[in-house]
Amino acid sequence: MIEGILNKSAAVELFDKEAILLCDHDVMPLYRAVELFGEEAAIFFDNHDKGVNGYLQGGRDWNGVGACTEERPFIEYLYKAGFLKLVTEHNYLRVVQAHRESEGGHIIDRYAEERNRLLDARDEEDRRKAAERKARRAAKKREKSGNGVETGEAPP
């Protein structure tokens, strides 16, 4: 099973080594991708809806072949583009773990936390100013309506 991070040339080399011919394309059956990358690959396929709106685009990243019968079941497979998306997910999960464990990751997180705190404070200040403007507009509207009381009736 693949454990380490792969660069593009290593990923392409792995795909080329493991690919089989189906429907005039080199492809990797999903079961083989799961054998190579473990359950995280199955989770990736399940979480990234292989439909029209999903990250994995049918016809571009994946496809399938078979008659959907017990004798000739439908077998899904990845094109190289879909395989590279799987490798990206695999690498991402490892980079997240390395980030959490590294001193550099802790430093970056500290700066991001401070930046978010400042942005939150700025957002709160913007909301406070907007509320003040709204209150001033409402006061001016009441003033125009006469005696500072809104009655819904025109002044005499």
Protein backbone atom coordinates (compact mmCIF):
# COMPACT_ATOMS: atom_id res chain seq x y z
CA MET A 1 0.00 0.00 0.00
CA ILE A 2 1.20 3.51 -0.84
CA GLU A 3 2.05 5.45 2.33
CA GLY A 4 4.30 8.33 1.30
CA ILE A 5 3.66 11.49 -0.68
CA LEU A 6 3.94 11.18 -4.45
CA ASN A 7 5.01 13.88 -6.88
CA LYS A 8 3.43 14.05 -10.32
CA SER A 9 6.07 12.00 -12.11
CA ALA A 10 5.84 9.25 -9.47
CA ALA A 11 2.03 9.31 -9.68
CA VAL A 12 2.07 9.10 -13.48
CA GLU A 13 4.66 6.32 -13.32
CA LEU A 14 2.47 4.39 -10.84
CA PHE A 15 -0.60 4.86 -13.04
CA ASP A 16 1.30 3.74 -16.15
CA LYS A 17 2.62 0.67 -14.29
CA GLU A 18 -0.79 -0.34 -12.88
CA ALA A 19 -3.11 0.69 -15.73
CA ILE A 20 -5.04 -1.82 -17.80
CA LEU A 21 -6.76 -1.43 -21.14
CA LEU A 22 -10.53 -1.02 -21.08
CA CYS A 23 -12.56 0.55 -23.89
CA ASP A 24 -9.41 1.74 -25.73
CA HIS A 25 -8.07 3.69 -22.71
CA ASP A 26 -5.51 2.96 -20.06
CA VAL A 27 -7.48 2.96 -16.81
CA MET A 28 -7.31 1.81 -13.21
CA PRO A 29 -10.28 -0.12 -11.78
CA LEU A 30 -11.52 1.41 -8.52
CA TYR A 31 -10.85 -1.83 -6.65
CA ARG A 32 -7.17 -1.60 -7.63
CA ALA A 33 -6.96 2.03 -6.51
CA VAL A 34 -8.34 0.94 -3.13
CA GLU A 35 -5.76 -1.85 -2.97
CA LEU A 36 -3.03 0.73 -3.62
CA PHE A 37 -4.26 3.53 -1.34
CA GLY A 38 -6.41 1.72 1.18
CA GLU A 39 -9.77 2.62 2.57
CA GLU A 40 -9.05 6.35 2.19
CA ALA A 41 -9.54 5.81 -1.57
CA ALA A 42 -12.98 4.26 -1.03
CA ILE A 43 -13.91 7.15 1.27
CA PHE A 44 -12.68 9.60 -1.37
CA PHE A 45 -14.83 7.97 -4.07
CA ASP A 46 -17.85 7.92 -1.78
CA ASN A 47 -17.42 11.53 -0.57
CA HIS A 48 -16.75 13.07 -3.98
CA ASP A 49 -19.99 12.12 -5.69
CA LYS A 50 -19.07 10.69 -9.05
CA GLY A 51 -22.02 12.53 -10.59
CA VAL A 52 -22.38 15.63 -12.70
CA ASN A 53 -21.81 18.00 -9.77
CA GLY A 54 -19.07 15.98 -8.11
CA TYR A 55 -15.34 16.56 -7.95
CA LEU A 56 -14.84 13.41 -10.03
CA GLN A 57 -16.41 14.10 -13.41
CA GLY A 58 -17.88 11.15 -15.29
CA GLY A 59 -16.33 10.67 -18.72
CA ARG A 60 -13.32 12.78 -17.79
CA ASP A 61 -12.06 11.33 -14.50
CA TRP A 62 -13.89 8.02 -14.32
CA ASN A 63 -16.21 5.75 -16.22
CA GLY A 64 -17.45 2.21 -16.13
CA VAL A 65 -18.10 -0.81 -18.26
CA GLY A 66 -20.39 -3.80 -17.95
CA ALA A 67 -23.95 -4.90 -18.48
CA CYS A 68 -25.05 -4.42 -14.84
CA THR A 69 -25.90 -8.10 -14.54
CA GLU A 70 -24.58 -10.69 -12.14
CA GLU A 71 -22.59 -12.34 -14.96
CA ARG A 72 -21.27 -9.01 -16.32
CA PRO A 73 -21.28 -6.54 -13.43
CA PHE A 74 -20.63 -2.84 -13.90
CA ILE A 75 -16.98 -2.09 -13.11
CA GLU A 76 -15.96 1.51 -12.46
CA TYR A 77 -12.50 2.75 -13.31
CA LEU A 78 -10.36 5.87 -13.22
CA TYR A 79 -8.78 7.62 -16.14
CA LYS A 80 -5.39 9.19 -15.45
CA ALA A 81 -7.05 12.53 -14.56
CA GLY A 82 -9.18 10.86 -11.87
CA PHE A 83 -6.22 8.89 -10.59
CA LEU A 84 -4.25 12.13 -10.20
CA LYS A 85 -7.15 13.57 -8.18
CA LEU A 86 -6.98 10.51 -5.93
CA VAL A 87 -3.22 10.97 -5.49
CA THR A 88 -3.85 14.64 -4.68
CA GLU A 89 -6.28 13.60 -1.93
CA HIS A 90 -3.76 11.04 -0.65
CA ASN A 91 -1.01 13.68 -0.57
CA TYR A 92 -3.32 16.26 1.02
CA LEU A 93 -4.14 13.94 3.93
CA ARG A 94 -0.43 13.38 4.56
CA VAL A 95 0.40 17.08 4.30
CA VAL A 96 -2.36 17.92 6.81
CA GLN A 97 -0.87 15.41 9.26
CA ALA A 98 2.68 16.70 8.68
CA HIS A 99 1.44 20.28 9.18
CA ARG A 100 -0.16 19.35 12.51
CA GLU A 101 3.05 17.69 13.70
CA SER A 102 5.53 20.31 12.50
CA GLU A 103 6.93 23.39 14.22
CA GLY A 104 6.34 25.34 11.00
CA GLY A 105 2.69 24.29 11.02
CA HIS A 106 2.28 25.55 14.57
CA ILE A 107 3.84 28.91 13.62
CA ILE A 108 1.59 29.26 10.55
CA ASP A 109 -1.45 28.34 12.66
CA ARG A 110 -0.53 30.96 15.27
CA TYR A 111 -0.33 33.69 12.61
CA ALA A 112 -3.57 32.53 11.01
CA GLU A 113 -5.29 32.59 14.41
CA GLU A 114 -4.11 36.16 15.04
CA ARG A 115 -5.19 37.25 11.55
CA ASN A 116 -8.63 35.69 12.09
CA ARG A 117 -8.93 37.40 15.48
CA LEU A 118 -8.17 40.78 13.87
CA LEU A 119 -10.64 40.12 11.05
CA ASP A 120 -13.33 39.12 13.56
CA ALA A 121 -12.71 42.33 15.51
CA ARG A 122 -12.94 44.36 12.30
CA ASP A 123 -16.20 42.61 11.36
CA GLU A 124 -17.62 43.35 14.81
CA GLU A 125 -16.64 47.02 14.48
CA ASP A 126 -18.28 47.15 11.02
CA ARG A 127 -21.50 45.66 12.46
CA ARG A 128 -21.45 48.16 15.34
CA LYS A 129 -21.02 51.11 12.93
CA ALA A 130 -23.79 49.79 10.68
CA ALA A 131 -26.13 49.55 13.69
CA GLU A 132 -25.27 53.13 14.67
CA ARG A 133 -25.99 54.38 11.12
CA LYS A 134 -29.29 52.52 11.12
CA ALA A 135 -30.25 54.05 14.46
CA ARG A 136 -29.37 57.58 13.20
CA ARG A 137 -31.47 57.05 10.05
CA ALA A 138 -34.40 55.84 12.14
CA ALA A 139 -34.07 58.87 14.46
CA LYS A 140 -34.01 61.27 11.48
CA LYS A 141 -37.07 59.56 10.04
CA ARG A 142 -38.92 59.93 13.35
CA GLU A 143 -37.84 63.58 13.53
CA LYS A 144 -39.24 64.29 10.04
CA SER A 145 -42.53 62.64 10.93
CA GLY A 146 -43.08 65.19 13.69
CA ASN A 147 -42.59 65.34 17.46
CA GLY A 148 -40.09 62.46 17.27
CA VAL A 149 -42.95 59.96 17.43
CA GLU A 150 -43.86 57.76 14.50
CA THR A 151 -47.60 57.48 14.30
CA GLY A 152 -48.04 56.62 10.69
CA GLU A 153 -50.15 59.77 10.27
CA ALA A 154 -49.13 62.98 8.58
CA PRO A 155 -48.42 65.92 10.95
CA PRO A 156 -51.23 68.55 11.20
